């Protein structure tokens, strides 16, 4: 998935993404989530992923953070729910 702001209000995009997830995964799986967020958004993403280990790396100037999580998910709806929640964080970019 190329870096992008999540299209929270585009139902067709989410429907296509769900189909892609279901076609390429056998549930449950350990799914890799990666986000870039302004430093100020770290707390919000930590709240979303509070029960999971997060690998955080700062950008060279320290203004942005890269977050990586491996999470066991049961189905594509769970993946989408996580992306939708993360997409509410100001300035977040999904990778």
PDB file of N, CA and C in Angstrom:
ATOM      1  N   UNK A   1       0.853  -1.172   0.000  1.00  0.00           N
ATOM      2  CA  UNK A   1       0.000   0.000   0.000  1.00  0.00           C
ATOM      3  C   UNK A   1       0.901   1.237   0.000  1.00  0.00           C
ATOM      4  N   UNK A   2       0.715   2.108  -0.958  1.00  0.00           N
ATOM      5  CA  UNK A   2       1.513   3.331  -1.037  1.00  0.00           C
ATOM      6  C   UNK A   2       1.075   4.311   0.043  1.00  0.00           C
ATOM      7  N   UNK A   3       1.985   5.182   0.515  1.00  0.00           N
ATOM      8  CA  UNK A   3       1.610   6.161   1.538  1.00  0.00           C
ATOM      9  C   UNK A   3       0.430   7.008   1.070  1.00  0.00           C
ATOM     10  N   UNK A   4      -0.556   7.150   1.958  1.00  0.00           N
ATOM     11  CA  UNK A   4      -1.705   7.961   1.605  1.00  0.00           C
ATOM     12  C   UNK A   4      -2.522   8.315   2.823  1.00  0.00           C
ATOM     13  N   UNK A   5      -3.246   9.425   2.701  1.00  0.00           N
ATOM     14  CA  UNK A   5      -4.250   9.749   3.693  1.00  0.00           C
ATOM     15  C   UNK A   5      -5.399   8.786   3.450  1.00  0.00           C
ATOM     16  N   UNK A   6      -6.000   8.334   4.511  1.00  0.00           N
ATOM     17  CA  UNK A   6      -7.071   7.365   4.362  1.00  0.00           C
ATOM     18  C   UNK A   6      -8.359   8.042   3.895  1.00  0.00           C
ATOM     19  N   UNK A   7      -9.015   7.460   2.892  1.00  0.00           N
ATOM     20  CA  UNK A   7     -10.253   8.035   2.349  1.00  0.00           C
ATOM     21  C   UNK A   7     -11.452   7.644   3.217  1.00  0.00           C
ATOM     22  N   UNK A   8     -11.552   8.233   4.382  1.00  0.00           N
ATOM     23  CA  UNK A   8     -12.546   7.820   5.360  1.00  0.00           C
ATOM     24  C   UNK A   8     -13.977   7.885   4.852  1.00  0.00           C
ATOM     25  N   UNK A   9     -14.269   8.770   3.927  1.00  0.00           N
ATOM     26  CA  UNK A   9     -15.652   8.947   3.490  1.00  0.00           C
ATOM     27  C   UNK A   9     -15.959   8.306   2.137  1.00  0.00           C
ATOM     28  N   UNK A  10     -15.074   7.481   1.618  1.00  0.00           N
ATOM     29  CA  UNK A  10     -15.290   6.860   0.308  1.00  0.00           C
ATOM     30  C   UNK A  10     -15.642   5.376   0.473  1.00  0.00           C
ATOM     31  N   UNK A  11     -16.949   5.040   0.475  1.00  0.00           N
ATOM     32  CA  UNK A  11     -17.347   3.649   0.696  1.00  0.00           C
ATOM     33  C   UNK A  11     -16.834   2.691  -0.375  1.00  0.00           C
ATOM     34  N   UNK A  12     -16.678   3.152  -1.601  1.00  0.00           N
ATOM     35  CA  UNK A  12     -16.164   2.278  -2.657  1.00  0.00           C
ATOM     36  C   UNK A  12     -14.718   1.877  -2.395  1.00  0.00           C
ATOM     37  N   UNK A  13     -13.914   2.822  -1.920  1.00  0.00           N
ATOM     38  CA  UNK A  13     -12.522   2.507  -1.612  1.00  0.00           C
ATOM     39  C   UNK A  13     -12.449   1.434  -0.534  1.00  0.00           C
ATOM     40  N   UNK A  14     -13.258   1.588   0.522  1.00  0.00           N
ATOM     41  CA  UNK A  14     -13.239   0.617   1.627  1.00  0.00           C
ATOM     42  C   UNK A  14     -13.748  -0.747   1.173  1.00  0.00           C
ATOM     43  N   UNK A  15     -14.737  -0.765   0.314  1.00  0.00           N
ATOM     44  CA  UNK A  15     -15.258  -2.021  -0.210  1.00  0.00           C
ATOM     45  C   UNK A  15     -14.197  -2.748  -1.032  1.00  0.00           C
ATOM     46  N   UNK A  16     -13.495  -1.997  -1.880  1.00  0.00           N
ATOM     47  CA  UNK A  16     -12.412  -2.594  -2.679  1.00  0.00           C
ATOM     48  C   UNK A  16     -11.275  -3.075  -1.796  1.00  0.00           C
ATOM     49  N   UNK A  17     -10.947  -2.306  -0.765  1.00  0.00           N
ATOM     50  CA  UNK A  17      -9.880  -2.686   0.150  1.00  0.00           C
ATOM     51  C   UNK A  17     -10.253  -3.963   0.903  1.00  0.00           C
ATOM     52  N   UNK A  18     -11.496  -4.054   1.358  1.00  0.00           N
ATOM     53  CA  UNK A  18     -11.969  -5.250   2.048  1.00  0.00           C
ATOM     54  C   UNK A  18     -11.839  -6.470   1.150  1.00  0.00           C
ATOM     55  N   UNK A  19     -12.255  -6.331  -0.113  1.00  0.00           N
ATOM     56  CA  UNK A  19     -12.159  -7.444  -1.055  1.00  0.00           C
ATOM     57  C   UNK A  19     -10.702  -7.858  -1.264  1.00  0.00           C
ATOM     58  N   UNK A  20      -9.826  -6.886  -1.405  1.00  0.00           N
ATOM     59  CA  UNK A  20      -8.398  -7.158  -1.563  1.00  0.00           C
ATOM     60  C   UNK A  20      -7.842  -7.899  -0.344  1.00  0.00           C
ATOM     61  N   UNK A  21      -8.211  -7.452   0.843  1.00  0.00           N
ATOM     62  CA  UNK A  21      -7.773  -8.121   2.068  1.00  0.00           C
ATOM     63  C   UNK A  21      -8.247  -9.569   2.099  1.00  0.00           C
ATOM     64  N   UNK A  22      -9.524  -9.769   1.791  1.00  0.00           N
ATOM     65  CA  UNK A  22     -10.083 -11.122   1.836  1.00  0.00           C
ATOM     66  C   UNK A  22      -9.492 -12.034   0.770  1.00  0.00           C
ATOM     67  N   UNK A  23      -9.171 -11.475  -0.384  1.00  0.00           N
ATOM     68  CA  UNK A  23      -8.583 -12.275  -1.456  1.00  0.00           C
ATOM     69  C   UNK A  23      -7.142 -12.679  -1.170  1.00  0.00           C
ATOM     70  N   UNK A  24      -6.450 -11.902  -0.333  1.00  0.00           N
ATOM     71  CA  UNK A  24      -5.019 -12.128  -0.129  1.00  0.00           C
ATOM     72  C   UNK A  24      -4.632 -12.624   1.255  1.00  0.00           C
ATOM     73  N   UNK A  25      -5.612 -12.915   2.092  1.00  0.00           N
ATOM     74  CA  UNK A  25      -5.306 -13.378   3.445  1.00  0.00           C
ATOM     75  C   UNK A  25      -6.199 -14.539   3.819  1.00  0.00           C
ATOM     76  N   UNK A  26      -5.653 -15.428   4.645  1.00  0.00           N
ATOM     77  CA  UNK A  26      -6.440 -16.490   5.252  1.00  0.00           C
ATOM     78  C   UNK A  26      -6.516 -16.152   6.724  1.00  0.00           C
ATOM     79  N   UNK A  27      -7.712 -15.798   7.162  1.00  0.00           N
ATOM     80  CA  UNK A  27      -7.912 -15.297   8.526  1.00  0.00           C
ATOM     81  C   UNK A  27      -7.940 -16.431   9.519  1.00  0.00           C
ATOM     82  N   UNK A  28      -7.448 -16.186  10.729  1.00  0.00           N
ATOM     83  CA  UNK A  28      -6.793 -14.974  11.237  1.00  0.00           C
ATOM     84  C   UNK A  28      -5.340 -14.886  10.761  1.00  0.00           C
ATOM     85  N   UNK A  29      -4.802 -13.667  10.774  1.00  0.00           N
ATOM     86  CA  UNK A  29      -3.417 -13.424  10.381  1.00  0.00           C
ATOM     87  C   UNK A  29      -2.776 -12.402  11.317  1.00  0.00           C
ATOM     88  N   UNK A  30      -1.456 -12.352  11.293  1.00  0.00           N
ATOM     89  CA  UNK A  30      -0.719 -11.268  11.934  1.00  0.00           C
ATOM     90  C   UNK A  30      -0.525 -10.215  10.845  1.00  0.00           C
ATOM     91  N   UNK A  31      -1.189  -9.091  11.004  1.00  0.00           N
ATOM     92  CA  UNK A  31      -1.203  -8.044   9.988  1.00  0.00           C
ATOM     93  C   UNK A  31      -0.233  -6.938  10.373  1.00  0.00           C
ATOM     94  N   UNK A  32       0.506  -6.469   9.396  1.00  0.00           N
ATOM     95  CA  UNK A  32       1.479  -5.396   9.609  1.00  0.00           C
ATOM     96  C   UNK A  32       0.817  -4.046   9.349  1.00  0.00           C
ATOM     97  N   UNK A  33       0.787  -3.207  10.367  1.00  0.00           N
ATOM     98  CA  UNK A  33       0.282  -1.842  10.248  1.00  0.00           C
ATOM     99  C   UNK A  33       1.469  -0.889  10.341  1.00  0.00           C
ATOM    100  N   UNK A  34       1.515   0.088   9.434  1.00  0.00           N
ATOM    101  CA  UNK A  34       2.561   1.108   9.471  1.00  0.00           C
ATOM    102  C   UNK A  34       1.910   2.464   9.239  1.00  0.00           C
ATOM    103  N   UNK A  35       2.299   3.418  10.064  1.00  0.00           N
ATOM    104  CA  UNK A  35       1.779   4.775   9.950  1.00  0.00           C
ATOM    105  C   UNK A  35       2.905   5.772  10.145  1.00  0.00           C
ATOM    106  N   UNK A  36       2.745   6.934   9.543  1.00  0.00           N
ATOM    107  CA  UNK A  36       3.592   8.085   9.833  1.00  0.00           C
ATOM    108  C   UNK A  36       2.662   9.128  10.426  1.00  0.00           C
ATOM    109  N   UNK A  37       3.103   9.745  11.505  1.00  0.00           N
ATOM    110  CA  UNK A  37       2.260  10.718  12.193  1.00  0.00           C
ATOM    111  C   UNK A  37       3.127  11.858  12.711  1.00  0.00           C
ATOM    112  N   UNK A  38       2.592  13.084  12.718  1.00  0.00           N
ATOM    113  CA  UNK A  38       3.325  14.163  13.378  1.00  0.00           C
ATOM    114  C   UNK A  38       3.529  13.789  14.842  1.00  0.00           C
ATOM    115  N   UNK A  39       4.606  14.239  15.412  1.00  0.00           N
ATOM    116  CA  UNK A  39       4.955  13.888  16.789  1.00  0.00           C
ATOM    117  C   UNK A  39       3.783  14.092  17.751  1.00  0.00           C
ATOM    118  N   UNK A  40       2.997  15.132  17.527  1.00  0.00           N
ATOM    119  CA  UNK A  40       1.869  15.447  18.407  1.00  0.00           C
ATOM    120  C   UNK A  40       0.771  14.384  18.359  1.00  0.00           C
ATOM    121  N   UNK A  41       0.727  13.559  17.320  1.00  0.00           N
ATOM    122  CA  UNK A  41      -0.309  12.540  17.191  1.00  0.00           C
ATOM    123  C   UNK A  41       0.029  11.208  17.804  1.00  0.00           C
ATOM    124  N   UNK A  42       1.209  11.086  18.382  1.00  0.00           N
ATOM    125  CA  UNK A  42       1.642   9.805  18.938  1.00  0.00           C
ATOM    126  C   UNK A  42       0.679   9.294  19.995  1.00  0.00           C
ATOM    127  N   UNK A  43       0.270  10.152  20.902  1.00  0.00           N
ATOM    128  CA  UNK A  43      -0.606   9.723  21.992  1.00  0.00           C
ATOM    129  C   UNK A  43      -1.916   9.140  21.498  1.00  0.00           C
ATOM    130  N   UNK A  44      -2.483   9.743  20.461  1.00  0.00           N
ATOM    131  CA  UNK A  44      -3.744   9.237  19.911  1.00  0.00           C
ATOM    132  C   UNK A  44      -3.569   7.847  19.306  1.00  0.00           C
ATOM    133  N   UNK A  45      -2.476   7.648  18.576  1.00  0.00           N
ATOM    134  CA  UNK A  45      -2.248   6.323  18.000  1.00  0.00           C
ATOM    135  C   UNK A  45      -1.918   5.303  19.085  1.00  0.00           C
ATOM    136  N   UNK A  46      -1.205   5.717  20.114  1.00  0.00           N
ATOM    137  CA  UNK A  46      -0.919   4.799  21.217  1.00  0.00           C
ATOM    138  C   UNK A  46      -2.215   4.352  21.892  1.00  0.00           C
ATOM    139  N   UNK A  47      -3.190   5.236  21.958  1.00  0.00           N
ATOM    140  CA  UNK A  47      -4.481   4.869  22.534  1.00  0.00           C
ATOM    141  C   UNK A  47      -5.176   3.807  21.687  1.00  0.00           C
ATOM    142  N   UNK A  48      -5.114   3.944  20.385  1.00  0.00           N
ATOM    143  CA  UNK A  48      -5.734   2.966  19.482  1.00  0.00           C
ATOM    144  C   UNK A  48      -5.053   1.604  19.620  1.00  0.00           C
ATOM    145  N   UNK A  49      -3.740   1.616  19.775  1.00  0.00           N
ATOM    146  CA  UNK A  49      -2.956   0.377  19.829  1.00  0.00           C
ATOM    147  C   UNK A  49      -2.473   0.052  21.241  1.00  0.00           C
ATOM    148  N   UNK A  50      -3.243   0.454  22.252  1.00  0.00           N
ATOM    149  CA  UNK A  50      -2.798   0.369  23.648  1.00  0.00           C
ATOM    150  C   UNK A  50      -2.438  -1.034  24.102  1.00  0.00           C
ATOM    151  N   UNK A  51      -3.034  -2.056  23.532  1.00  0.00           N
ATOM    152  CA  UNK A  51      -2.755  -3.423  23.962  1.00  0.00           C
ATOM    153  C   UNK A  51      -1.695  -4.116  23.115  1.00  0.00           C
ATOM    154  N   UNK A  52      -1.023  -3.358  22.259  1.00  0.00           N
ATOM    155  CA  UNK A  52      -0.059  -3.954  21.329  1.00  0.00           C
ATOM    156  C   UNK A  52       1.291  -3.255  21.416  1.00  0.00           C
ATOM    157  N   UNK A  53       2.314  -4.002  21.074  1.00  0.00           N
ATOM    158  CA  UNK A  53       3.666  -3.447  21.037  1.00  0.00           C
ATOM    159  C   UNK A  53       3.809  -2.569  19.793  1.00  0.00           C
ATOM    160  N   UNK A  54       4.368  -1.381  19.996  1.00  0.00           N
ATOM    161  CA  UNK A  54       4.553  -0.427  18.899  1.00  0.00           C
ATOM    162  C   UNK A  54       6.038  -0.117  18.758  1.00  0.00           C
ATOM    163  N   UNK A  55       6.543  -0.263  17.548  1.00  0.00           N
ATOM    164  CA  UNK A  55       7.912   0.136  17.246  1.00  0.00           C
ATOM    165  C   UNK A  55       7.848   1.566  16.709  1.00  0.00           C
ATOM    166  N   UNK A  56       8.480   2.499  17.419  1.00  0.00           N
ATOM    167  CA  UNK A  56       8.429   3.917  17.048  1.00  0.00           C
ATOM    168  C   UNK A  56       9.817   4.380  16.637  1.00  0.00           C
ATOM    169  N   UNK A  57       9.887   5.033  15.482  1.00  0.00           N
ATOM    170  CA  UNK A  57      11.149   5.616  15.008  1.00  0.00           C
ATOM    171  C   UNK A  57      10.887   7.058  14.613  1.00  0.00           C
ATOM    172  N   UNK A  58      11.762   7.948  15.039  1.00  0.00           N
ATOM    173  CA  UNK A  58      11.622   9.371  14.728  1.00  0.00           C
ATOM    174  C   UNK A  58      12.263   9.692  13.380  1.00  0.00           C
ATOM    175  N   UNK A  59      11.717  10.700  12.708  1.00  0.00           N
ATOM    176  CA  UNK A  59      12.315  11.186  11.474  1.00  0.00           C
ATOM    177  C   UNK A  59      13.627  11.888  11.809  1.00  0.00           C
ATOM    178  N   UNK A  60      14.395  12.208  10.799  1.00  0.00           N
ATOM    179  CA  UNK A  60      15.713  12.806  11.037  1.00  0.00           C
ATOM    180  C   UNK A  60      15.630  14.115  11.818  1.00  0.00           C
ATOM    181  N   UNK A  61      14.584  14.908  11.596  1.00  0.00           N
ATOM    182  CA  UNK A  61      14.424  16.156  12.346  1.00  0.00           C
ATOM    183  C   UNK A  61      13.557  15.987  13.589  1.00  0.00           C
ATOM    184  N   UNK A  62      12.970  14.812  13.750  1.00  0.00           N
ATOM    185  CA  UNK A  62      12.161  14.533  14.929  1.00  0.00           C
ATOM    186  C   UNK A  62      10.747  15.074  14.884  1.00  0.00           C
ATOM    187  N   UNK A  63      10.324  15.610  13.752  1.00  0.00           N
ATOM    188  CA  UNK A  63       8.977  16.166  13.650  1.00  0.00           C
ATOM    189  C   UNK A  63       7.912  15.103  13.407  1.00  0.00           C
ATOM    190  N   UNK A  64       8.316  13.993  12.812  1.00  0.00           N
ATOM    191  CA  UNK A  64       7.393  12.910  12.473  1.00  0.00           C
ATOM    192  C   UNK A  64       7.879  11.613  13.084  1.00  0.00           C
ATOM    193  N   UNK A  65       6.922  10.716  13.297  1.00  0.00           N
ATOM    194  CA  UNK A  65       7.236   9.408  13.845  1.00  0.00           C
ATOM    195  C   UNK A  65       6.687   8.334  12.925  1.00  0.00           C
ATOM    196  N   UNK A  66       7.445   7.271  12.784  1.00  0.00           N
ATOM    197  CA  UNK A  66       7.006   6.096  12.048  1.00  0.00           C
ATOM    198  C   UNK A  66       6.618   5.048  13.089  1.00  0.00           C
ATOM    199  N   UNK A  67       5.416   4.515  12.975  1.00  0.00           N
ATOM    200  CA  UNK A  67       4.939   3.507  13.909  1.00  0.00           C
ATOM    201  C   UNK A  67       4.666   2.218  13.156  1.00  0.00           C
ATOM    202  N   UNK A  68       5.146   1.111  13.705  1.00  0.00           N
ATOM    203  CA  UNK A  68       4.943  -0.201  13.110  1.00  0.00           C
ATOM    204  C   UNK A  68       4.385  -1.130  14.178  1.00  0.00           C
ATOM    205  N   UNK A  69       3.320  -1.859  13.824  1.00  0.00           N
ATOM    206  CA  UNK A  69       2.714  -2.814  14.725  1.00  0.00           C
ATOM    207  C   UNK A  69       2.381  -4.092  13.959  1.00  0.00           C
ATOM    208  N   UNK A  70       2.625  -5.235  14.577  1.00  0.00           N
ATOM    209  CA  UNK A  70       2.173  -6.525  14.060  1.00  0.00           C
ATOM    210  C   UNK A  70       1.040  -6.959  14.985  1.00  0.00           C
ATOM    211  N   UNK A  71      -0.154  -7.090  14.425  1.00  0.00           N
ATOM    212  CA  UNK A  71      -1.315  -7.390  15.245  1.00  0.00           C
ATOM    213  C   UNK A  71      -2.060  -8.581  14.667  1.00  0.00           C
ATOM    214  N   UNK A  72      -2.443  -9.503  15.531  1.00  0.00           N
ATOM    215  CA  UNK A  72      -3.266 -10.630  15.097  1.00  0.00           C
ATOM    216  C   UNK A  72      -4.693 -10.129  14.944  1.00  0.00           C
ATOM    217  N   UNK A  73      -5.232 -10.299  13.744  1.00  0.00           N
ATOM    218  CA  UNK A  73      -6.603  -9.880  13.449  1.00  0.00           C
ATOM    219  C   UNK A  73      -7.395 -11.089  12.955  1.00  0.00           C
ATOM    220  N   UNK A  74      -8.677 -11.053  13.238  1.00  0.00           N
ATOM    221  CA  UNK A  74      -9.541 -12.179  12.904  1.00  0.00           C
ATOM    222  C   UNK A  74     -10.121 -12.104  11.498  1.00  0.00           C
ATOM    223  N   UNK A  75     -10.267 -10.860  10.967  1.00  0.00           N
ATOM    224  CA  UNK A  75     -10.904 -10.718   9.661  1.00  0.00           C
ATOM    225  C   UNK A  75     -10.626  -9.329   9.086  1.00  0.00           C
ATOM    226  N   UNK A  76     -11.072  -9.131   7.856  1.00  0.00           N
ATOM    227  CA  UNK A  76     -10.829  -7.855   7.177  1.00  0.00           C
ATOM    228  C   UNK A  76     -11.555  -6.697   7.858  1.00  0.00           C
ATOM    229  N   UNK A  77     -12.693  -6.960   8.464  1.00  0.00           N
ATOM    230  CA  UNK A  77     -13.422  -5.900   9.160  1.00  0.00           C
ATOM    231  C   UNK A  77     -12.601  -5.327  10.317  1.00  0.00           C
ATOM    232  N   UNK A  78     -11.834  -6.179  10.979  1.00  0.00           N
ATOM    233  CA  UNK A  78     -10.980  -5.720  12.074  1.00  0.00           C
ATOM    234  C   UNK A  78      -9.851  -4.825  11.548  1.00  0.00           C
ATOM    235  N   UNK A  79      -9.267  -5.205  10.423  1.00  0.00           N
ATOM    236  CA  UNK A  79      -8.223  -4.389   9.796  1.00  0.00           C
ATOM    237  C   UNK A  79      -8.788  -3.019   9.432  1.00  0.00           C
ATOM    238  N   UNK A  80      -9.941  -3.025   8.803  1.00  0.00           N
ATOM    239  CA  UNK A  80     -10.562  -1.773   8.375  1.00  0.00           C
ATOM    240  C   UNK A  80     -10.918  -0.897   9.563  1.00  0.00           C
ATOM    241  N   UNK A  81     -11.416  -1.489  10.636  1.00  0.00           N
ATOM    242  CA  UNK A  81     -11.750  -0.709  11.834  1.00  0.00           C
ATOM    243  C   UNK A  81     -10.516  -0.013  12.391  1.00  0.00           C
ATOM    244  N   UNK A  82      -9.375  -0.700  12.359  1.00  0.00           N
ATOM    245  CA  UNK A  82      -8.132  -0.101  12.853  1.00  0.00           C
ATOM    246  C   UNK A  82      -7.701   1.052  11.949  1.00  0.00           C
ATOM    247  N   UNK A  83      -7.744   0.839  10.639  1.00  0.00           N
ATOM    248  CA  UNK A  83      -7.379   1.918   9.722  1.00  0.00           C
ATOM    249  C   UNK A  83      -8.318   3.112   9.859  1.00  0.00           C
ATOM    250  N   UNK A  84      -9.605   2.865  10.040  1.00  0.00           N
ATOM    251  CA  UNK A  84     -10.564   3.968  10.204  1.00  0.00           C
ATOM    252  C   UNK A  84     -10.277   4.759  11.483  1.00  0.00           C
ATOM    253  N   UNK A  85      -9.986   4.054  12.564  1.00  0.00           N
ATOM    254  CA  UNK A  85      -9.675   4.734  13.827  1.00  0.00           C
ATOM    255  C   UNK A  85      -8.394   5.549  13.686  1.00  0.00           C
ATOM    256  N   UNK A  86      -7.372   4.959  13.077  1.00  0.00           N
ATOM    257  CA  UNK A  86      -6.102   5.668  12.891  1.00  0.00           C
ATOM    258  C   UNK A  86      -6.280   6.860  11.959  1.00  0.00           C
ATOM    259  N   UNK A  87      -7.168   6.735  10.981  1.00  0.00           N
ATOM    260  CA  UNK A  87      -7.402   7.801  10.031  1.00  0.00           C
ATOM    261  C   UNK A  87      -8.013   9.052  10.642  1.00  0.00           C
ATOM    262  N   UNK A  88      -8.556   8.921  11.833  1.00  0.00           N
ATOM    263  CA  UNK A  88      -9.130  10.070  12.539  1.00  0.00           C
ATOM    264  C   UNK A  88      -8.045  10.934  13.194  1.00  0.00           C
ATOM    265  N   UNK A  89      -6.839  10.411  13.320  1.00  0.00           N
ATOM    266  CA  UNK A  89      -5.745  11.149  13.936  1.00  0.00           C
ATOM    267  C   UNK A  89      -5.235  12.182  12.944  1.00  0.00           C
ATOM    268  N   UNK A  90      -5.152  13.419  13.374  1.00  0.00           N
ATOM    269  CA  UNK A  90      -4.748  14.526  12.502  1.00  0.00           C
ATOM    270  C   UNK A  90      -3.347  14.297  11.932  1.00  0.00           C
ATOM    271  N   UNK A  91      -3.233  14.333  10.610  1.00  0.00           N
ATOM    272  CA  UNK A  91      -1.946  14.248   9.947  1.00  0.00           C
ATOM    273  C   UNK A  91      -1.415  12.843   9.723  1.00  0.00           C
ATOM    274  N   UNK A  92      -2.153  11.808  10.112  1.00  0.00           N
ATOM    275  CA  UNK A  92      -1.650  10.446   9.966  1.00  0.00           C
ATOM    276  C   UNK A  92      -1.627  10.046   8.495  1.00  0.00           C
ATOM    277  N   UNK A  93      -0.613   9.268   8.140  1.00  0.00           N
ATOM    278  CA  UNK A  93      -0.465   8.699   6.797  1.00  0.00           C
ATOM    279  C   UNK A  93      -0.282   7.207   6.975  1.00  0.00           C
ATOM    280  N   UNK A  94      -1.080   6.420   6.246  1.00  0.00           N
ATOM    281  CA  UNK A  94      -0.948   4.963   6.277  1.00  0.00           C
ATOM    282  C   UNK A  94       0.029   4.531   5.198  1.00  0.00           C
ATOM    283  N   UNK A  95       0.853   3.568   5.529  1.00  0.00           N
ATOM    284  CA  UNK A  95       1.807   3.017   4.550  1.00  0.00           C
ATOM    285  C   UNK A  95       1.340   1.635   4.140  1.00  0.00           C
TER     286      UNK A  95
END
